[in-house]
Amino acid sequence: MPTLNFVTNIELPDRKAFALEFSKFGAKLLGKPEGYISVLVTYNDTLTFAGTFDPAFSLRIDSLDNINPTINEVYSQEFTKFFKEKLGIPNDRGYITFIDPGRANIAFQGTTFETIFGNK
């Protein structure tokens, strides 16, 4: 059920193509089926970081059962590497926020993931 909410001040020539590529990358990195991945890509020209409008990003990752301090280090390295390669954004130009809301707090198909997969 990961949701990858990506905001950048870089106007992408094809946001839809980037979103699809980001979805595949996120699914592989997070170890979740792409069928459960939700990606939002937002362009916001007023996004500042460190007091400038230089290329920057904000990424919020909501994911169940695979957010923890050890693996978040790996995710951070890989996501910032992806943004550098694809968009030219340096790794010191954004924040990544990791959230595991718990199975009871995410709904899908009219029920919650706690009902679908049980309480972990």
PDB file of N, CA and C in Angstrom:
ATOM      1  N   MET A   1       0.786  -1.197   0.000  1.00  0.00           N
ATOM      2  CA  MET A   1       0.000   0.000   0.000  1.00  0.00           C
ATOM      3  C   MET A   1       0.829   1.264   0.000  1.00  0.00           C
ATOM      4  N   PRO A   2       2.069   1.210  -0.352  1.00  0.00           N
ATOM      5  CA  PRO A   2       2.843   2.441  -0.284  1.00  0.00           C
ATOM      6  C   PRO A   2       2.258   3.567  -1.132  1.00  0.00           C
ATOM      7  N   THR A   3       2.249   4.746  -0.539  1.00  0.00           N
ATOM      8  CA  THR A   3       1.944   5.966  -1.276  1.00  0.00           C
ATOM      9  C   THR A   3       3.213   6.798  -1.280  1.00  0.00           C
ATOM     10  N   LEU A   4       3.643   7.168  -2.468  1.00  0.00           N
ATOM     11  CA  LEU A   4       4.823   8.000  -2.648  1.00  0.00           C
ATOM     12  C   LEU A   4       4.334   9.365  -3.110  1.00  0.00           C
ATOM     13  N   ASN A   5       4.420  10.347  -2.226  1.00  0.00           N
ATOM     14  CA  ASN A   5       3.942  11.685  -2.524  1.00  0.00           C
ATOM     15  C   ASN A   5       5.164  12.580  -2.750  1.00  0.00           C
ATOM     16  N   PHE A   6       5.448  12.858  -4.013  1.00  0.00           N
ATOM     17  CA  PHE A   6       6.656  13.575  -4.427  1.00  0.00           C
ATOM     18  C   PHE A   6       6.284  14.965  -4.924  1.00  0.00           C
ATOM     19  N   VAL A   7       6.914  15.973  -4.337  1.00  0.00           N
ATOM     20  CA  VAL A   7       6.718  17.355  -4.748  1.00  0.00           C
ATOM     21  C   VAL A   7       8.085  17.894  -5.161  1.00  0.00           C
ATOM     22  N   THR A   8       8.117  18.606  -6.265  1.00  0.00           N
ATOM     23  CA  THR A   8       9.372  19.206  -6.732  1.00  0.00           C
ATOM     24  C   THR A   8       9.103  20.567  -7.363  1.00  0.00           C
ATOM     25  N   ASN A   9      10.122  21.401  -7.388  1.00  0.00           N
ATOM     26  CA  ASN A   9      10.017  22.696  -8.063  1.00  0.00           C
ATOM     27  C   ASN A   9      10.598  22.630  -9.475  1.00  0.00           C
ATOM     28  N   ILE A  10      10.846  21.430  -9.954  1.00  0.00           N
ATOM     29  CA  ILE A  10      11.318  21.231 -11.323  1.00  0.00           C
ATOM     30  C   ILE A  10      10.104  20.888 -12.193  1.00  0.00           C
ATOM     31  N   GLU A  11       9.915  21.659 -13.236  1.00  0.00           N
ATOM     32  CA  GLU A  11       8.810  21.382 -14.147  1.00  0.00           C
ATOM     33  C   GLU A  11       9.221  20.243 -15.071  1.00  0.00           C
ATOM     34  N   LEU A  12       8.617  19.098 -14.877  1.00  0.00           N
ATOM     35  CA  LEU A  12       8.976  17.905 -15.642  1.00  0.00           C
ATOM     36  C   LEU A  12       8.288  17.940 -17.007  1.00  0.00           C
ATOM     37  N   PRO A  13       9.011  17.590 -18.068  1.00  0.00           N
ATOM     38  CA  PRO A  13       8.405  17.611 -19.394  1.00  0.00           C
ATOM     39  C   PRO A  13       7.269  16.596 -19.539  1.00  0.00           C
ATOM     40  N   ASP A  14       7.361  15.465 -18.828  1.00  0.00           N
ATOM     41  CA  ASP A  14       6.317  14.447 -18.909  1.00  0.00           C
ATOM     42  C   ASP A  14       6.125  13.824 -17.517  1.00  0.00           C
ATOM     43  N   ARG A  15       5.279  14.489 -16.718  1.00  0.00           N
ATOM     44  CA  ARG A  15       5.041  14.017 -15.345  1.00  0.00           C
ATOM     45  C   ARG A  15       4.462  12.622 -15.310  1.00  0.00           C
ATOM     46  N   LYS A  16       3.610  12.291 -16.269  1.00  0.00           N
ATOM     47  CA  LYS A  16       2.996  10.955 -16.274  1.00  0.00           C
ATOM     48  C   LYS A  16       4.040   9.867 -16.491  1.00  0.00           C
ATOM     49  N   ALA A  17       4.948  10.087 -17.424  1.00  0.00           N
ATOM     50  CA  ALA A  17       6.013   9.098 -17.670  1.00  0.00           C
ATOM     51  C   ALA A  17       6.902   8.976 -16.434  1.00  0.00           C
ATOM     52  N   PHE A  18       7.235  10.103 -15.807  1.00  0.00           N
ATOM     53  CA  PHE A  18       8.048  10.061 -14.593  1.00  0.00           C
ATOM     54  C   PHE A  18       7.302   9.308 -13.492  1.00  0.00           C
ATOM     55  N   ALA A  19       6.012   9.568 -13.322  1.00  0.00           N
ATOM     56  CA  ALA A  19       5.227   8.901 -12.277  1.00  0.00           C
ATOM     57  C   ALA A  19       5.224   7.387 -12.472  1.00  0.00           C
ATOM     58  N   LEU A  20       5.089   6.931 -13.714  1.00  0.00           N
ATOM     59  CA  LEU A  20       5.100   5.491 -13.982  1.00  0.00           C
ATOM     60  C   LEU A  20       6.470   4.877 -13.697  1.00  0.00           C
ATOM     61  N   GLU A  21       7.523   5.582 -14.083  1.00  0.00           N
ATOM     62  CA  GLU A  21       8.873   5.098 -13.804  1.00  0.00           C
ATOM     63  C   GLU A  21       9.136   5.088 -12.291  1.00  0.00           C
ATOM     64  N   PHE A  22       8.688   6.126 -11.602  1.00  0.00           N
ATOM     65  CA  PHE A  22       8.853   6.223 -10.154  1.00  0.00           C
ATOM     66  C   PHE A  22       8.064   5.124  -9.439  1.00  0.00           C
ATOM     67  N   SER A  23       6.888   4.793  -9.957  1.00  0.00           N
ATOM     68  CA  SER A  23       6.078   3.712  -9.388  1.00  0.00           C
ATOM     69  C   SER A  23       6.817   2.381  -9.448  1.00  0.00           C
ATOM     70  N   LYS A  24       7.384   2.070 -10.589  1.00  0.00           N
ATOM     71  CA  LYS A  24       8.145   0.822 -10.739  1.00  0.00           C
ATOM     72  C   LYS A  24       9.370   0.808  -9.827  1.00  0.00           C
ATOM     73  N   PHE A  25      10.089   1.926  -9.783  1.00  0.00           N
ATOM     74  CA  PHE A  25      11.267   2.029  -8.930  1.00  0.00           C
ATOM     75  C   PHE A  25      10.877   1.867  -7.452  1.00  0.00           C
ATOM     76  N   GLY A  26       9.831   2.578  -7.033  1.00  0.00           N
ATOM     77  CA  GLY A  26       9.383   2.509  -5.643  1.00  0.00           C
ATOM     78  C   GLY A  26       8.932   1.116  -5.249  1.00  0.00           C
ATOM     79  N   ALA A  27       8.209   0.440  -6.134  1.00  0.00           N
ATOM     80  CA  ALA A  27       7.752  -0.919  -5.840  1.00  0.00           C
ATOM     81  C   ALA A  27       8.931  -1.858  -5.629  1.00  0.00           C
ATOM     82  N   LYS A  28       9.902  -1.768  -6.515  1.00  0.00           N
ATOM     83  CA  LYS A  28      11.080  -2.637  -6.412  1.00  0.00           C
ATOM     84  C   LYS A  28      11.858  -2.337  -5.128  1.00  0.00           C
ATOM     85  N   LEU A  29      12.118  -1.054  -4.879  1.00  0.00           N
ATOM     86  CA  LEU A  29      12.906  -0.679  -3.712  1.00  0.00           C
ATOM     87  C   LEU A  29      12.203  -1.043  -2.407  1.00  0.00           C
ATOM     88  N   LEU A  30      10.909  -0.781  -2.324  1.00  0.00           N
ATOM     89  CA  LEU A  30      10.159  -1.040  -1.099  1.00  0.00           C
ATOM     90  C   LEU A  30       9.740  -2.506  -0.955  1.00  0.00           C
ATOM     91  N   GLY A  31       9.925  -3.290  -2.010  1.00  0.00           N
ATOM     92  CA  GLY A  31       9.578  -4.706  -1.952  1.00  0.00           C
ATOM     93  C   GLY A  31       8.079  -4.953  -1.882  1.00  0.00           C
ATOM     94  N   LYS A  32       7.315  -4.111  -2.557  1.00  0.00           N
ATOM     95  CA  LYS A  32       5.855  -4.228  -2.573  1.00  0.00           C
ATOM     96  C   LYS A  32       5.387  -4.402  -4.015  1.00  0.00           C
ATOM     97  N   PRO A  33       4.280  -5.126  -4.225  1.00  0.00           N
ATOM     98  CA  PRO A  33       3.747  -5.256  -5.590  1.00  0.00           C
ATOM     99  C   PRO A  33       3.331  -3.882  -6.136  1.00  0.00           C
ATOM    100  N   GLU A  34       3.639  -3.635  -7.387  1.00  0.00           N
ATOM    101  CA  GLU A  34       3.268  -2.343  -7.965  1.00  0.00           C
ATOM    102  C   GLU A  34       1.752  -2.140  -7.945  1.00  0.00           C
ATOM    103  N   GLY A  35       0.999  -3.223  -7.907  1.00  0.00           N
ATOM    104  CA  GLY A  35      -0.458  -3.124  -7.816  1.00  0.00           C
ATOM    105  C   GLY A  35      -0.942  -2.424  -6.557  1.00  0.00           C
ATOM    106  N   TYR A  36      -0.097  -2.312  -5.557  1.00  0.00           N
ATOM    107  CA  TYR A  36      -0.448  -1.609  -4.317  1.00  0.00           C
ATOM    108  C   TYR A  36       0.177  -0.214  -4.224  1.00  0.00           C
ATOM    109  N   ILE A  37       0.989   0.164  -5.199  1.00  0.00           N
ATOM    110  CA  ILE A  37       1.705   1.442  -5.141  1.00  0.00           C
ATOM    111  C   ILE A  37       0.829   2.576  -5.659  1.00  0.00           C
ATOM    112  N   SER A  38       0.830   3.672  -4.931  1.00  0.00           N
ATOM    113  CA  SER A  38       0.169   4.898  -5.366  1.00  0.00           C
ATOM    114  C   SER A  38       1.237   5.988  -5.419  1.00  0.00           C
ATOM    115  N   VAL A  39       1.293   6.705  -6.536  1.00  0.00           N
ATOM    116  CA  VAL A  39       2.301   7.749  -6.722  1.00  0.00           C
ATOM    117  C   VAL A  39       1.603   9.070  -7.051  1.00  0.00           C
ATOM    118  N   LEU A  40       2.023  10.110  -6.363  1.00  0.00           N
ATOM    119  CA  LEU A  40       1.569  11.454  -6.682  1.00  0.00           C
ATOM    120  C   LEU A  40       2.807  12.275  -7.017  1.00  0.00           C
ATOM    121  N   VAL A  41       2.797  12.919  -8.167  1.00  0.00           N
ATOM    122  CA  VAL A  41       3.904  13.789  -8.569  1.00  0.00           C
ATOM    123  C   VAL A  41       3.322  15.184  -8.744  1.00  0.00           C
ATOM    124  N   THR A  42       3.826  16.112  -7.958  1.00  0.00           N
ATOM    125  CA  THR A  42       3.298  17.472  -7.966  1.00  0.00           C
ATOM    126  C   THR A  42       4.415  18.459  -8.270  1.00  0.00           C
ATOM    127  N   TYR A  43       4.144  19.339  -9.216  1.00  0.00           N
ATOM    128  CA  TYR A  43       5.053  20.455  -9.502  1.00  0.00           C
ATOM    129  C   TYR A  43       4.580  21.649  -8.689  1.00  0.00           C
ATOM    130  N   ASN A  44       5.498  22.256  -7.944  1.00  0.00           N
ATOM    131  CA  ASN A  44       5.167  23.438  -7.158  1.00  0.00           C
ATOM    132  C   ASN A  44       6.327  24.429  -7.280  1.00  0.00           C
ATOM    133  N   ASP A  45       6.111  25.479  -8.062  1.00  0.00           N
ATOM    134  CA  ASP A  45       7.195  26.428  -8.314  1.00  0.00           C
ATOM    135  C   ASP A  45       7.524  27.285  -7.100  1.00  0.00           C
ATOM    136  N   THR A  46       6.731  27.205  -6.037  1.00  0.00           N
ATOM    137  CA  THR A  46       7.036  27.965  -4.823  1.00  0.00           C
ATOM    138  C   THR A  46       7.761  27.122  -3.776  1.00  0.00           C
ATOM    139  N   LEU A  47       8.119  25.892  -4.110  1.00  0.00           N
ATOM    140  CA  LEU A  47       8.884  25.056  -3.180  1.00  0.00           C
ATOM    141  C   LEU A  47      10.292  25.633  -3.030  1.00  0.00           C
ATOM    142  N   THR A  48      10.627  25.996  -1.810  1.00  0.00           N
ATOM    143  CA  THR A  48      11.978  26.452  -1.517  1.00  0.00           C
ATOM    144  C   THR A  48      12.647  25.446  -0.612  1.00  0.00           C
ATOM    145  N   PHE A  49      13.954  25.439  -0.641  1.00  0.00           N
ATOM    146  CA  PHE A  49      14.737  24.626   0.283  1.00  0.00           C
ATOM    147  C   PHE A  49      15.998  25.415   0.589  1.00  0.00           C
ATOM    148  N   ALA A  50      16.307  25.561   1.858  1.00  0.00           N
ATOM    149  CA  ALA A  50      17.482  26.316   2.302  1.00  0.00           C
ATOM    150  C   ALA A  50      17.472  27.746   1.766  1.00  0.00           C
ATOM    151  N   GLY A  51      16.272  28.298   1.652  1.00  0.00           N
ATOM    152  CA  GLY A  51      16.146  29.694   1.261  1.00  0.00           C
ATOM    153  C   GLY A  51      16.327  30.002  -0.201  1.00  0.00           C
ATOM    154  N   THR A  52      16.290  28.977  -1.069  1.00  0.00           N
ATOM    155  CA  THR A  52      16.434  29.233  -2.506  1.00  0.00           C
ATOM    156  C   THR A  52      15.392  28.434  -3.288  1.00  0.00           C
ATOM    157  N   PHE A  53      15.257  28.802  -4.543  1.00  0.00           N
ATOM    158  CA  PHE A  53      14.401  28.070  -5.470  1.00  0.00           C
ATOM    159  C   PHE A  53      15.208  27.108  -6.343  1.00  0.00           C
ATOM    160  N   ASP A  54      16.445  26.829  -5.964  1.00  0.00           N
ATOM    161  CA  ASP A  54      17.228  25.829  -6.692  1.00  0.00           C
ATOM    162  C   ASP A  54      16.465  24.509  -6.677  1.00  0.00           C
ATOM    163  N   PRO A  55      16.741  23.618  -7.639  1.00  0.00           N
ATOM    164  CA  PRO A  55      16.017  22.344  -7.695  1.00  0.00           C
ATOM    165  C   PRO A  55      15.958  21.667  -6.323  1.00  0.00           C
ATOM    166  N   ALA A  56      14.742  21.281  -5.949  1.00  0.00           N
ATOM    167  CA  ALA A  56      14.517  20.690  -4.636  1.00  0.00           C
ATOM    168  C   ALA A  56      13.339  19.728  -4.705  1.00  0.00           C
ATOM    169  N   PHE A  57      13.169  18.968  -3.613  1.00  0.00           N
ATOM    170  CA  PHE A  57      12.070  18.008  -3.551  1.00  0.00           C
ATOM    171  C   PHE A  57      11.594  17.827  -2.120  1.00  0.00           C
ATOM    172  N   SER A  58      10.427  17.249  -2.000  1.00  0.00           N
ATOM    173  CA  SER A  58       9.896  16.754  -0.744  1.00  0.00           C
ATOM    174  C   SER A  58       9.237  15.417  -1.073  1.00  0.00           C
ATOM    175  N   LEU A  59       9.562  14.385  -0.310  1.00  0.00           N
ATOM    176  CA  LEU A  59       8.972  13.072  -0.537  1.00  0.00           C
ATOM    177  C   LEU A  59       8.416  12.552   0.773  1.00  0.00           C
ATOM    178  N   ARG A  60       7.158  12.166   0.757  1.00  0.00           N
ATOM    179  CA  ARG A  60       6.540  11.497   1.896  1.00  0.00           C
ATOM    180  C   ARG A  60       6.191  10.083   1.458  1.00  0.00           C
ATOM    181  N   ILE A  61       6.657   9.124   2.249  1.00  0.00           N
ATOM    182  CA  ILE A  61       6.387   7.715   1.972  1.00  0.00           C
ATOM    183  C   ILE A  61       5.520   7.168   3.094  1.00  0.00           C
ATOM    184  N   ASP A  62       4.320   6.745   2.746  1.00  0.00           N
ATOM    185  CA  ASP A  62       3.446   6.039   3.680  1.00  0.00           C
ATOM    186  C   ASP A  62       3.466   4.582   3.266  1.00  0.00           C
ATOM    187  N   SER A  63       3.885   3.698   4.156  1.00  0.00           N
ATOM    188  CA  SER A  63       4.002   2.286   3.808  1.00  0.00           C
ATOM    189  C   SER A  63       3.810   1.433   5.053  1.00  0.00           C
ATOM    190  N   LEU A  64       3.185   0.291   4.877  1.00  0.00           N
ATOM    191  CA  LEU A  64       2.929  -0.619   5.990  1.00  0.00           C
ATOM    192  C   LEU A  64       4.035  -1.662   6.118  1.00  0.00           C
ATOM    193  N   ASP A  65       4.466  -1.879   7.329  1.00  0.00           N
ATOM    194  CA  ASP A  65       5.298  -3.027   7.703  1.00  0.00           C
ATOM    195  C   ASP A  65       6.736  -3.016   7.191  1.00  0.00           C
ATOM    196  N   ASN A  66       7.191  -1.959   6.558  1.00  0.00           N
ATOM    197  CA  ASN A  66       8.578  -1.966   6.088  1.00  0.00           C
ATOM    198  C   ASN A  66       9.273  -0.624   6.294  1.00  0.00           C
ATOM    199  N   ILE A  67       8.839   0.111   7.274  1.00  0.00           N
ATOM    200  CA  ILE A  67       9.473   1.378   7.635  1.00  0.00           C
ATOM    201  C   ILE A  67      10.162   1.166   8.985  1.00  0.00           C
ATOM    202  N   ASN A  68      11.477   1.352   9.005  1.00  0.00           N
ATOM    203  CA  ASN A  68      12.228   1.259  10.257  1.00  0.00           C
ATOM    204  C   ASN A  68      13.556   1.987  10.076  1.00  0.00           C
ATOM    205  N   PRO A  69      14.212   2.353  11.168  1.00  0.00           N
ATOM    206  CA  PRO A  69      15.417   3.171  11.059  1.00  0.00           C
ATOM    207  C   PRO A  69      16.515   2.582  10.176  1.00  0.00           C
ATOM    208  N   THR A  70      16.708   1.278  10.217  1.00  0.00           N
ATOM    209  CA  THR A  70      17.779   0.662   9.433  1.00  0.00           C
ATOM    210  C   THR A  70      17.496   0.726   7.946  1.00  0.00           C
ATOM    211  N   ILE A  71      16.319   0.283   7.541  1.00  0.00           N
ATOM    212  CA  ILE A  71      16.000   0.248   6.112  1.00  0.00           C
ATOM    213  C   ILE A  71      15.739   1.656   5.564  1.00  0.00           C
ATOM    214  N   ASN A  72      15.309   2.583   6.415  1.00  0.00           N
ATOM    215  CA  ASN A  72      15.094   3.955   5.954  1.00  0.00           C
ATOM    216  C   ASN A  72      16.382   4.588   5.433  1.00  0.00           C
ATOM    217  N   GLU A  73      17.522   4.200   6.010  1.00  0.00           N
ATOM    218  CA  GLU A  73      18.814   4.677   5.506  1.00  0.00           C
ATOM    219  C   GLU A  73      19.024   4.238   4.059  1.00  0.00           C
ATOM    220  N   VAL A  74      18.720   2.980   3.783  1.00  0.00           N
ATOM    221  CA  VAL A  74      18.845   2.448   2.422  1.00  0.00           C
ATOM    222  C   VAL A  74      17.874   3.153   1.489  1.00  0.00           C
ATOM    223  N   TYR A  75      16.608   3.268   1.921  1.00  0.00           N
ATOM    224  CA  TYR A  75      15.615   3.956   1.091  1.00  0.00           C
ATOM    225  C   TYR A  75      16.067   5.376   0.769  1.00  0.00           C
ATOM    226  N   SER A  76      16.559   6.084   1.776  1.00  0.00           N
ATOM    227  CA  SER A  76      17.001   7.465   1.579  1.00  0.00           C
ATOM    228  C   SER A  76      18.101   7.545   0.523  1.00  0.00           C
ATOM    229  N   GLN A  77      19.085   6.676   0.633  1.00  0.00           N
ATOM    230  CA  GLN A  77      20.181   6.669  -0.339  1.00  0.00           C
ATOM    231  C   GLN A  77      19.677   6.395  -1.745  1.00  0.00           C
ATOM    232  N   GLU A  78      18.806   5.395  -1.876  1.00  0.00           N
ATOM    233  CA  GLU A  78      18.340   4.996  -3.208  1.00  0.00           C
ATOM    234  C   GLU A  78      17.381   6.018  -3.829  1.00  0.00           C
ATOM    235  N   PHE A  79      16.469   6.566  -3.037  1.00  0.00           N
ATOM    236  CA  PHE A  79      15.556   7.573  -3.585  1.00  0.00           C
ATOM    237  C   PHE A  79      16.319   8.830  -4.000  1.00  0.00           C
ATOM    238  N   THR A  80      17.246   9.306  -3.166  1.00  0.00           N
ATOM    239  CA  THR A  80      17.987  10.510  -3.550  1.00  0.00           C
ATOM    240  C   THR A  80      18.895  10.256  -4.755  1.00  0.00           C
ATOM    241  N   LYS A  81      19.420   9.061  -4.868  1.00  0.00           N
ATOM    242  CA  LYS A  81      20.212   8.695  -6.051  1.00  0.00           C
ATOM    243  C   LYS A  81      19.321   8.739  -7.300  1.00  0.00           C
ATOM    244  N   PHE A  82      18.112   8.209  -7.199  1.00  0.00           N
ATOM    245  CA  PHE A  82      17.150   8.231  -8.304  1.00  0.00           C
ATOM    246  C   PHE A  82      16.845   9.672  -8.721  1.00  0.00           C
ATOM    247  N   PHE A  83      16.588  10.548  -7.750  1.00  0.00           N
ATOM    248  CA  PHE A  83      16.267  11.946  -8.066  1.00  0.00           C
ATOM    249  C   PHE A  83      17.458  12.664  -8.701  1.00  0.00           C
ATOM    250  N   LYS A  84      18.650  12.333  -8.264  1.00  0.00           N
ATOM    251  CA  LYS A  84      19.857  12.929  -8.851  1.00  0.00           C
ATOM    252  C   LYS A  84      20.006  12.481 -10.305  1.00  0.00           C
ATOM    253  N   GLU A  85      19.852  11.172 -10.544  1.00  0.00           N
ATOM    254  CA  GLU A  85      20.013  10.632 -11.905  1.00  0.00           C
ATOM    255  C   GLU A  85      18.922  11.109 -12.850  1.00  0.00           C
ATOM    256  N   LYS A  86      17.686  11.119 -12.390  1.00  0.00           N
ATOM    257  CA  LYS A  86      16.557  11.426 -13.273  1.00  0.00           C
ATOM    258  C   LYS A  86      16.276  12.912 -13.406  1.00  0.00           C
ATOM    259  N   LEU A  87      16.526  13.677 -12.317  1.00  0.00           N
ATOM    260  CA  LEU A  87      16.119  15.080 -12.304  1.00  0.00           C
ATOM    261  C   LEU A  87      17.255  16.051 -12.010  1.00  0.00           C
ATOM    262  N   GLY A  88      18.420  15.533 -11.643  1.00  0.00           N
ATOM    263  CA  GLY A  88      19.544  16.397 -11.328  1.00  0.00           C
ATOM    264  C   GLY A  88      19.454  17.084  -9.973  1.00  0.00           C
ATOM    265  N   ILE A  89      18.586  16.587  -9.084  1.00  0.00           N
ATOM    266  CA  ILE A  89      18.439  17.201  -7.765  1.00  0.00           C
ATOM    267  C   ILE A  89      19.471  16.599  -6.814  1.00  0.00           C
ATOM    268  N   PRO A  90      20.356  17.423  -6.253  1.00  0.00           N
ATOM    269  CA  PRO A  90      21.340  16.906  -5.294  1.00  0.00           C
ATOM    270  C   PRO A  90      20.660  16.343  -4.037  1.00  0.00           C
ATOM    271  N   ASN A  91      21.347  15.434  -3.353  1.00  0.00           N
ATOM    272  CA  ASN A  91      20.732  14.781  -2.199  1.00  0.00           C
ATOM    273  C   ASN A  91      20.605  15.695  -0.980  1.00  0.00           C
ATOM    274  N   ASP A  92      21.165  16.884  -1.046  1.00  0.00           N
ATOM    275  CA  ASP A  92      21.028  17.822   0.071  1.00  0.00           C
ATOM    276  C   ASP A  92      19.975  18.892  -0.207  1.00  0.00           C
ATOM    277  N   ARG A  93      19.050  18.583  -1.138  1.00  0.00           N
ATOM    278  CA  ARG A  93      18.032  19.561  -1.532  1.00  0.00           C
ATOM    279  C   ARG A  93      16.618  19.058  -1.293  1.00  0.00           C
ATOM    280  N   GLY A  94      16.425  18.266  -0.238  1.00  0.00           N
ATOM    281  CA  GLY A  94      15.070  17.829   0.076  1.00  0.00           C
ATOM    282  C   GLY A  94      15.031  16.917   1.275  1.00  0.00           C
ATOM    283  N   TYR A  95      13.828  16.693   1.732  1.00  0.00           N
ATOM    284  CA  TYR A  95      13.583  15.794   2.857  1.00  0.00           C
ATOM    285  C   TYR A  95      12.709  14.632   2.417  1.00  0.00           C
ATOM    286  N   ILE A  96      12.930  13.500   3.076  1.00  0.00           N
ATOM    287  CA  ILE A  96      12.069  12.331   2.908  1.00  0.00           C
ATOM    288  C   ILE A  96      11.471  12.031   4.279  1.00  0.00           C
ATOM    289  N   THR A  97      10.165  11.909   4.331  1.00  0.00           N
ATOM    290  CA  THR A  97       9.459  11.572   5.559  1.00  0.00           C
ATOM    291  C   THR A  97       8.893  10.167   5.423  1.00  0.00           C
ATOM    292  N   PHE A  98       9.191   9.313   6.393  1.00  0.00           N
ATOM    293  CA  PHE A  98       8.728   7.924   6.389  1.00  0.00           C
ATOM    294  C   PHE A  98       7.617   7.760   7.417  1.00  0.00           C
ATOM    295  N   ILE A  99       6.487   7.224   6.978  1.00  0.00           N
ATOM    296  CA  ILE A  99       5.338   7.037   7.852  1.00  0.00           C
ATOM    297  C   ILE A  99       4.821   5.604   7.703  1.00  0.00           C
ATOM    298  N   ASP A 100       4.666   4.895   8.820  1.00  0.00           N
ATOM    299  CA  ASP A 100       3.941   3.623   8.840  1.00  0.00           C
ATOM    300  C   ASP A 100       2.699   3.863   9.689  1.00  0.00           C
ATOM    301  N   PRO A 101       1.539   4.074   9.035  1.00  0.00           N
ATOM    302  CA  PRO A 101       0.341   4.435   9.774  1.00  0.00           C
ATOM    303  C   PRO A 101      -0.309   3.274  10.529  1.00  0.00           C
ATOM    304  N   GLY A 102       0.143   2.052  10.278  1.00  0.00           N
ATOM    305  CA  GLY A 102      -0.467   0.882  10.905  1.00  0.00           C
ATOM    306  C   GLY A 102      -1.596   0.327  10.045  1.00  0.00           C
ATOM    307  N   ARG A 103      -1.717  -0.974  10.060  1.00  0.00           N
ATOM    308  CA  ARG A 103      -2.685  -1.653   9.187  1.00  0.00           C
ATOM    309  C   ARG A 103      -4.128  -1.201   9.407  1.00  0.00           C
ATOM    310  N   ALA A 104      -4.493  -0.887  10.636  1.00  0.00           N
ATOM    311  CA  ALA A 104      -5.871  -0.478  10.923  1.00  0.00           C
ATOM    312  C   ALA A 104      -6.184   0.918  10.392  1.00  0.00           C
ATOM    313  N   ASN A 105      -5.167   1.668   9.990  1.00  0.00           N
ATOM    314  CA  ASN A 105      -5.363   3.051   9.572  1.00  0.00           C
ATOM    315  C   ASN A 105      -5.285   3.277   8.077  1.00  0.00           C
ATOM    316  N   ILE A 106      -5.228   2.216   7.299  1.00  0.00           N
ATOM    317  CA  ILE A 106      -5.259   2.332   5.843  1.00  0.00           C
ATOM    318  C   ILE A 106      -6.380   1.435   5.327  1.00  0.00           C
ATOM    319  N   ALA A 107      -7.268   2.030   4.534  1.00  0.00           N
ATOM    320  CA  ALA A 107      -8.398   1.277   3.987  1.00  0.00           C
ATOM    321  C   ALA A 107      -8.165   0.971   2.509  1.00  0.00           C
ATOM    322  N   PHE A 108      -8.722  -0.162   2.067  1.00  0.00           N
ATOM    323  CA  PHE A 108      -8.633  -0.607   0.673  1.00  0.00           C
ATOM    324  C   PHE A 108      -9.804  -1.538   0.429  1.00  0.00           C
ATOM    325  N   GLN A 109     -10.480  -1.358  -0.675  1.00  0.00           N
ATOM    326  CA  GLN A 109     -11.601  -2.211  -1.058  1.00  0.00           C
ATOM    327  C   GLN A 109     -12.695  -2.259   0.019  1.00  0.00           C
ATOM    328  N   GLY A 110     -12.939  -1.127   0.667  1.00  0.00           N
ATOM    329  CA  GLY A 110     -14.008  -1.036   1.640  1.00  0.00           C
ATOM    330  C   GLY A 110     -13.706  -1.648   2.997  1.00  0.00           C
ATOM    331  N   THR A 111     -12.451  -1.961   3.250  1.00  0.00           N
ATOM    332  CA  THR A 111     -12.058  -2.508   4.538  1.00  0.00           C
ATOM    333  C   THR A 111     -10.656  -1.994   4.868  1.00  0.00           C
ATOM    334  N   THR A 112     -10.057  -2.472   5.921  1.00  0.00           N
ATOM    335  CA  THR A 112      -8.710  -2.032   6.261  1.00  0.00           C
ATOM    336  C   THR A 112      -7.713  -3.159   6.003  1.00  0.00           C
ATOM    337  N   PHE A 113      -6.460  -2.781   5.926  1.00  0.00           N
ATOM    338  CA  PHE A 113      -5.421  -3.794   5.746  1.00  0.00           C
ATOM    339  C   PHE A 113      -5.303  -4.695   6.973  1.00  0.00           C
ATOM    340  N   GLU A 114      -5.733  -4.214   8.129  1.00  0.00           N
ATOM    341  CA  GLU A 114      -5.738  -5.085   9.301  1.00  0.00           C
ATOM    342  C   GLU A 114      -6.724  -6.234   9.110  1.00  0.00           C
ATOM    343  N   THR A 115      -7.871  -5.952   8.518  1.00  0.00           N
ATOM    344  CA  THR A 115      -8.846  -6.990   8.230  1.00  0.00           C
ATOM    345  C   THR A 115      -8.344  -7.921   7.135  1.00  0.00           C
ATOM    346  N   ILE A 116      -7.702  -7.347   6.123  1.00  0.00           N
ATOM    347  CA  ILE A 116      -7.197  -8.138   5.000  1.00  0.00           C
ATOM    348  C   ILE A 116      -6.042  -9.048   5.438  1.00  0.00           C
ATOM    349  N   PHE A 117      -5.064  -8.492   6.136  1.00  0.00           N
ATOM    350  CA  PHE A 117      -3.833  -9.239   6.456  1.00  0.00           C
ATOM    351  C   PHE A 117      -3.688  -9.611   7.927  1.00  0.00           C
ATOM    352  N   GLY A 118      -4.583  -9.105   8.778  1.00  0.00           N
ATOM    353  CA  GLY A 118      -4.475  -9.388  10.201  1.00  0.00           C
ATOM    354  C   GLY A 118      -3.648  -8.351  10.929  1.00  0.00           C
ATOM    355  N   ASN A 119      -3.666  -8.426  12.222  1.00  0.00           N
ATOM    356  CA  ASN A 119      -2.930  -7.490  13.069  1.00  0.00           C
ATOM    357  C   ASN A 119      -1.501  -7.985  13.186  1.00  0.00           C
ATOM    358  N   LYS A 120      -0.573  -7.120  12.915  1.00  0.00           N
ATOM    359  CA  LYS A 120       0.850  -7.510  12.993  1.00  0.00           C
ATOM    360  C   LYS A 120       1.422  -7.125  14.328  1.00  0.00           C
TER     361      LYS A 120
END
